[in-house]
Amino acid sequence: MTEHKRSIYQCASQWGLPFGLYLSCTAVASIFADYFLPLNILFLLMALALPLPTYYFQRRKFIEDDGFTEYAALWMMGILLYILGMVIASFVAYLILHFCRPDFLYVQAQSVIKAYSQMPEMKDSEMLSILQKMVDDKLMPSIIDMVFSMFWFVSFSGSLISAMTALVAQRPIKKHLKH
């Protein structure tokens, strides 16, 4: 009886949920990092560790296929993981920003304005005056704009990460022989 091997699309759809939860936790840590400072460290660690779950899922698929998964297929699976994961993370981030932190961008902009105003070299900068005008005139991006930007940025970055991890995930499988 021949065993049916799952396609990269089936694997990505199955593993997209746990990956999306990982990305959601990363987004939540970022959103609340100004309230609880250890979340800054958690966000940084989770963001820097993104290649690890990417590699894990690609390697798992490679081993499942007995080492016959092509580089392009592993890369595509990684891209799909990021896109599916970001659909989940974007939804979570939107709900949190909309209901819990609707003034998030304005609070962050005010923090930047305050910090830069105290720096002599930045005090009279054009960037600071533009940012202040954006806050005063309520020209900051909307929550949905920010969430879509986050979606596309992480999806594109994930494509690059997947390209690199797919190379490593293809290392030969060591078979243990019994003597």
C-alpha atoms as a PDB file:
ATOM      1  CA  MET A   1       0.000   0.000   0.000  1.00  0.00           C
ATOM      2  CA  THR A   2       1.454   3.347  -1.056  1.00  0.00           C
ATOM      3  CA  GLU A   3       1.527   6.113   1.540  1.00  0.00           C
ATOM      4  CA  HIS A   4       0.054   9.404   0.370  1.00  0.00           C
ATOM      5  CA  LYS A   5       2.511  12.263   0.804  1.00  0.00           C
ATOM      6  CA  ARG A   6       1.108  15.651   1.652  1.00  0.00           C
ATOM      7  CA  SER A   7       1.741  18.558  -0.685  1.00  0.00           C
ATOM      8  CA  ILE A   8       3.537  21.709   0.449  1.00  0.00           C
ATOM      9  CA  TYR A   9       0.158  23.444   0.351  1.00  0.00           C
ATOM     10  CA  GLN A  10      -1.394  20.931   2.740  1.00  0.00           C
ATOM     11  CA  CYS A  11       1.588  21.226   5.090  1.00  0.00           C
ATOM     12  CA  ALA A  12       1.549  25.028   4.990  1.00  0.00           C
ATOM     13  CA  SER A  13      -2.178  25.134   5.690  1.00  0.00           C
ATOM     14  CA  GLN A  14      -1.834  22.697   8.596  1.00  0.00           C
ATOM     15  CA  TRP A  15       1.208  24.424  10.107  1.00  0.00           C
ATOM     16  CA  GLY A  16      -0.047  27.952   9.374  1.00  0.00           C
ATOM     17  CA  LEU A  17      -2.149  28.019  12.555  1.00  0.00           C
ATOM     18  CA  PRO A  18       0.659  27.324  15.058  1.00  0.00           C
ATOM     19  CA  PHE A  19       2.949  29.639  13.091  1.00  0.00           C
ATOM     20  CA  GLY A  20       0.216  32.296  13.102  1.00  0.00           C
ATOM     21  CA  LEU A  21      -0.075  31.972  16.875  1.00  0.00           C
ATOM     22  CA  TYR A  22       3.694  32.500  17.158  1.00  0.00           C
ATOM     23  CA  LEU A  23       3.465  35.609  14.959  1.00  0.00           C
ATOM     24  CA  SER A  24       0.435  36.805  16.951  1.00  0.00           C
ATOM     25  CA  CYS A  25       2.382  36.554  20.212  1.00  0.00           C
ATOM     26  CA  THR A  26       5.190  38.531  18.594  1.00  0.00           C
ATOM     27  CA  ALA A  27       2.731  41.237  17.502  1.00  0.00           C
ATOM     28  CA  VAL A  28       1.064  41.414  20.916  1.00  0.00           C
ATOM     29  CA  ALA A  29       4.462  41.745  22.615  1.00  0.00           C
ATOM     30  CA  SER A  30       5.256  44.630  20.274  1.00  0.00           C
ATOM     31  CA  ILE A  31       1.926  46.379  20.851  1.00  0.00           C
ATOM     32  CA  PHE A  32       2.163  46.272  24.648  1.00  0.00           C
ATOM     33  CA  ALA A  33       5.931  46.713  25.006  1.00  0.00           C
ATOM     34  CA  ASP A  34       5.534  50.328  26.147  1.00  0.00           C
ATOM     35  CA  TYR A  35       3.331  49.205  29.070  1.00  0.00           C
ATOM     36  CA  PHE A  36       5.500  46.329  30.267  1.00  0.00           C
ATOM     37  CA  LEU A  37       9.161  46.728  29.351  1.00  0.00           C
ATOM     38  CA  PRO A  38      10.142  43.011  29.443  1.00  0.00           C
ATOM     39  CA  LEU A  39       7.870  42.600  26.411  1.00  0.00           C
ATOM     40  CA  ASN A  40      10.508  44.560  24.445  1.00  0.00           C
ATOM     41  CA  ILE A  41      12.979  41.767  25.094  1.00  0.00           C
ATOM     42  CA  LEU A  42      10.385  39.086  24.349  1.00  0.00           C
ATOM     43  CA  PHE A  43       9.459  40.796  21.067  1.00  0.00           C
ATOM     44  CA  LEU A  44      13.110  41.123  20.061  1.00  0.00           C
ATOM     45  CA  LEU A  45      13.878  37.492  20.880  1.00  0.00           C
ATOM     46  CA  MET A  46      10.802  36.205  19.062  1.00  0.00           C
ATOM     47  CA  ALA A  47      11.506  38.361  16.007  1.00  0.00           C
ATOM     48  CA  LEU A  48      15.153  37.290  15.858  1.00  0.00           C
ATOM     49  CA  ALA A  49      14.146  33.647  16.322  1.00  0.00           C
ATOM     50  CA  LEU A  50      11.744  33.640  13.339  1.00  0.00           C
ATOM     51  CA  PRO A  51      14.144  31.555  11.229  1.00  0.00           C
ATOM     52  CA  LEU A  52      13.917  28.710  13.775  1.00  0.00           C
ATOM     53  CA  PRO A  53      10.229  27.770  13.330  1.00  0.00           C
ATOM     54  CA  THR A  54      10.596  28.427   9.604  1.00  0.00           C
ATOM     55  CA  TYR A  55      13.482  25.964   9.424  1.00  0.00           C
ATOM     56  CA  TYR A  56      11.661  23.485  11.682  1.00  0.00           C
ATOM     57  CA  PHE A  57       8.633  23.254   9.371  1.00  0.00           C
ATOM     58  CA  GLN A  58      10.741  23.133   6.199  1.00  0.00           C
ATOM     59  CA  ARG A  59      12.998  20.436   7.639  1.00  0.00           C
ATOM     60  CA  ARG A  60       9.972  18.458   8.817  1.00  0.00           C
ATOM     61  CA  LYS A  61       8.569  18.461   5.273  1.00  0.00           C
ATOM     62  CA  PHE A  62      11.967  17.520   3.820  1.00  0.00           C
ATOM     63  CA  ILE A  63      12.251  14.516   6.175  1.00  0.00           C
ATOM     64  CA  GLU A  64       8.601  13.563   5.547  1.00  0.00           C
ATOM     65  CA  ASP A  65       9.469  13.332   1.847  1.00  0.00           C
ATOM     66  CA  ASP A  66      12.592  11.215   2.556  1.00  0.00           C
ATOM     67  CA  GLY A  67      14.876  14.011   1.384  1.00  0.00           C
ATOM     68  CA  PHE A  68      13.264  14.487  -2.009  1.00  0.00           C
ATOM     69  CA  THR A  69      11.684  17.921  -1.522  1.00  0.00           C
ATOM     70  CA  GLU A  70      13.155  20.460  -3.911  1.00  0.00           C
ATOM     71  CA  TYR A  71      14.533  23.785  -2.725  1.00  0.00           C
ATOM     72  CA  ALA A  72      11.821  25.759  -4.567  1.00  0.00           C
ATOM     73  CA  ALA A  73       9.079  23.708  -2.882  1.00  0.00           C
ATOM     74  CA  LEU A  74      10.537  24.298   0.596  1.00  0.00           C
ATOM     75  CA  TRP A  75      10.892  27.997  -0.158  1.00  0.00           C
ATOM     76  CA  MET A  76       7.302  28.213  -1.415  1.00  0.00           C
ATOM     77  CA  MET A  77       6.062  26.367   1.658  1.00  0.00           C
ATOM     78  CA  GLY A  78       7.894  28.896   3.843  1.00  0.00           C
ATOM     79  CA  ILE A  79       6.345  31.801   1.942  1.00  0.00           C
ATOM     80  CA  LEU A  80       2.897  30.265   2.383  1.00  0.00           C
ATOM     81  CA  LEU A  81       3.558  29.745   6.103  1.00  0.00           C
ATOM     82  CA  TYR A  82       4.323  33.441   6.507  1.00  0.00           C
ATOM     83  CA  ILE A  83       1.313  34.554   4.499  1.00  0.00           C
ATOM     84  CA  LEU A  84      -1.098  32.249   6.343  1.00  0.00           C
ATOM     85  CA  GLY A  85       0.500  33.052   9.691  1.00  0.00           C
ATOM     86  CA  MET A  86       0.279  36.776   9.016  1.00  0.00           C
ATOM     87  CA  VAL A  87      -3.415  36.511   8.144  1.00  0.00           C
ATOM     88  CA  ILE A  88      -3.946  35.233  11.686  1.00  0.00           C
ATOM     89  CA  ALA A  89      -1.486  37.663  13.316  1.00  0.00           C
ATOM     90  CA  SER A  90      -2.922  40.624  11.387  1.00  0.00           C
ATOM     91  CA  PHE A  91      -6.433  39.779  12.535  1.00  0.00           C
ATOM     92  CA  VAL A  92      -5.260  39.526  16.158  1.00  0.00           C
ATOM     93  CA  ALA A  93      -3.257  42.757  15.893  1.00  0.00           C
ATOM     94  CA  TYR A  94      -6.201  44.598  14.322  1.00  0.00           C
ATOM     95  CA  LEU A  95      -8.588  43.509  17.076  1.00  0.00           C
ATOM     96  CA  ILE A  96      -6.160  44.524  19.812  1.00  0.00           C
ATOM     97  CA  LEU A  97      -5.306  47.852  18.210  1.00  0.00           C
ATOM     98  CA  HIS A  98      -8.925  48.650  17.412  1.00  0.00           C
ATOM     99  CA  PHE A  99     -10.419  47.749  20.783  1.00  0.00           C
ATOM    100  CA  CYS A 100      -7.553  48.061  23.295  1.00  0.00           C
ATOM    101  CA  ARG A 101      -5.067  50.545  21.813  1.00  0.00           C
ATOM    102  CA  PRO A 102      -6.831  52.765  19.252  1.00  0.00           C
ATOM    103  CA  ASP A 103      -4.375  55.609  19.976  1.00  0.00           C
ATOM    104  CA  PHE A 104      -1.294  53.391  19.611  1.00  0.00           C
ATOM    105  CA  LEU A 105       0.346  55.300  16.741  1.00  0.00           C
ATOM    106  CA  TYR A 106      -0.264  58.681  18.363  1.00  0.00           C
ATOM    107  CA  VAL A 107       1.209  57.489  21.666  1.00  0.00           C
ATOM    108  CA  GLN A 108       4.272  56.139  19.850  1.00  0.00           C
ATOM    109  CA  ALA A 109       4.640  59.360  17.841  1.00  0.00           C
ATOM    110  CA  GLN A 110       4.413  61.438  21.031  1.00  0.00           C
ATOM    111  CA  SER A 111       7.168  59.288  22.583  1.00  0.00           C
ATOM    112  CA  VAL A 112       9.418  59.911  19.584  1.00  0.00           C
ATOM    113  CA  ILE A 113       8.665  63.641  19.638  1.00  0.00           C
ATOM    114  CA  LYS A 114       9.456  63.841  23.343  1.00  0.00           C
ATOM    115  CA  ALA A 115      12.712  61.884  22.994  1.00  0.00           C
ATOM    116  CA  TYR A 116      13.913  63.807  19.921  1.00  0.00           C
ATOM    117  CA  SER A 117      12.982  67.168  21.439  1.00  0.00           C
ATOM    118  CA  GLN A 118      15.474  66.501  24.207  1.00  0.00           C
ATOM    119  CA  MET A 119      18.332  65.826  21.758  1.00  0.00           C
ATOM    120  CA  PRO A 120      20.154  69.018  20.762  1.00  0.00           C
ATOM    121  CA  GLU A 121      21.009  67.708  17.274  1.00  0.00           C
ATOM    122  CA  MET A 122      17.382  66.688  16.572  1.00  0.00           C
ATOM    123  CA  LYS A 123      15.553  69.531  18.323  1.00  0.00           C
ATOM    124  CA  ASP A 124      15.204  71.675  15.195  1.00  0.00           C
ATOM    125  CA  SER A 125      15.123  68.855  12.630  1.00  0.00           C
ATOM    126  CA  GLU A 126      12.661  68.795   9.781  1.00  0.00           C
ATOM    127  CA  MET A 127      11.692  65.218  10.677  1.00  0.00           C
ATOM    128  CA  LEU A 128      10.623  66.300  14.148  1.00  0.00           C
ATOM    129  CA  SER A 129       8.552  69.204  12.826  1.00  0.00           C
ATOM    130  CA  ILE A 130       6.860  66.960  10.234  1.00  0.00           C
ATOM    131  CA  LEU A 131       6.053  64.335  12.851  1.00  0.00           C
ATOM    132  CA  GLN A 132       4.664  67.013  15.179  1.00  0.00           C
ATOM    133  CA  LYS A 133       2.504  68.396  12.348  1.00  0.00           C
ATOM    134  CA  MET A 134       1.223  64.880  11.561  1.00  0.00           C
ATOM    135  CA  VAL A 135       0.185  64.440  15.192  1.00  0.00           C
ATOM    136  CA  ASP A 136      -1.337  67.915  15.479  1.00  0.00           C
ATOM    137  CA  ASP A 137      -3.298  67.583  12.236  1.00  0.00           C
ATOM    138  CA  LYS A 138      -4.289  63.949  12.969  1.00  0.00           C
ATOM    139  CA  LEU A 139      -2.556  62.658   9.837  1.00  0.00           C
ATOM    140  CA  MET A 140      -1.148  59.449  11.305  1.00  0.00           C
ATOM    141  CA  PRO A 141      -1.970  56.233   9.408  1.00  0.00           C
ATOM    142  CA  SER A 142      -5.105  54.389  10.429  1.00  0.00           C
ATOM    143  CA  ILE A 143      -5.000  51.096  12.306  1.00  0.00           C
ATOM    144  CA  ILE A 144      -5.902  49.124   9.203  1.00  0.00           C
ATOM    145  CA  ASP A 145      -3.127  50.871   7.247  1.00  0.00           C
ATOM    146  CA  MET A 146      -0.634  49.903   9.928  1.00  0.00           C
ATOM    147  CA  VAL A 147      -1.864  46.297  10.025  1.00  0.00           C
ATOM    148  CA  PHE A 148      -1.645  45.943   6.234  1.00  0.00           C
ATOM    149  CA  SER A 149       1.860  47.419   6.273  1.00  0.00           C
ATOM    150  CA  MET A 150       2.828  44.918   8.961  1.00  0.00           C
ATOM    151  CA  PHE A 151       1.294  42.080   6.914  1.00  0.00           C
ATOM    152  CA  TRP A 152       3.240  42.941   3.766  1.00  0.00           C
ATOM    153  CA  PHE A 153       6.502  43.681   5.593  1.00  0.00           C
ATOM    154  CA  VAL A 154       6.519  40.393   7.513  1.00  0.00           C
ATOM    155  CA  SER A 155       5.324  38.401   4.481  1.00  0.00           C
ATOM    156  CA  PHE A 156       8.125  39.825   2.331  1.00  0.00           C
ATOM    157  CA  SER A 157      10.712  39.383   5.090  1.00  0.00           C
ATOM    158  CA  GLY A 158       9.446  35.850   5.584  1.00  0.00           C
ATOM    159  CA  SER A 159      10.049  35.153   1.917  1.00  0.00           C
ATOM    160  CA  LEU A 160      13.694  36.125   2.367  1.00  0.00           C
ATOM    161  CA  ILE A 161      14.025  34.138   5.607  1.00  0.00           C
ATOM    162  CA  SER A 162      12.409  31.117   3.916  1.00  0.00           C
ATOM    163  CA  ALA A 163      14.866  31.317   1.037  1.00  0.00           C
ATOM    164  CA  MET A 164      17.788  31.042   3.459  1.00  0.00           C
ATOM    165  CA  THR A 165      16.320  28.412   5.774  1.00  0.00           C
ATOM    166  CA  ALA A 166      15.272  26.210   2.840  1.00  0.00           C
ATOM    167  CA  LEU A 167      18.953  25.842   1.958  1.00  0.00           C
ATOM    168  CA  VAL A 168      19.768  24.587   5.445  1.00  0.00           C
ATOM    169  CA  ALA A 169      16.648  22.413   5.681  1.00  0.00           C
ATOM    170  CA  GLN A 170      17.867  20.414   2.681  1.00  0.00           C
ATOM    171  CA  ARG A 171      20.926  19.014   4.395  1.00  0.00           C
ATOM    172  CA  PRO A 172      21.180  15.245   3.908  1.00  0.00           C
ATOM    173  CA  ILE A 173      19.169  12.963   6.165  1.00  0.00           C
ATOM    174  CA  LYS A 174      21.309  10.585   8.201  1.00  0.00           C
ATOM    175  CA  LYS A 175      19.898   7.090   8.201  1.00  0.00           C
ATOM    176  CA  HIS A 176      20.770   4.951  11.191  1.00  0.00           C
ATOM    177  CA  LEU A 177      21.747   1.467  10.110  1.00  0.00           C
ATOM    178  CA  LYS A 178      21.352  -1.567  12.358  1.00  0.00           C
ATOM    179  CA  HIS A 179      24.212  -4.043  12.386  1.00  0.00           C
END
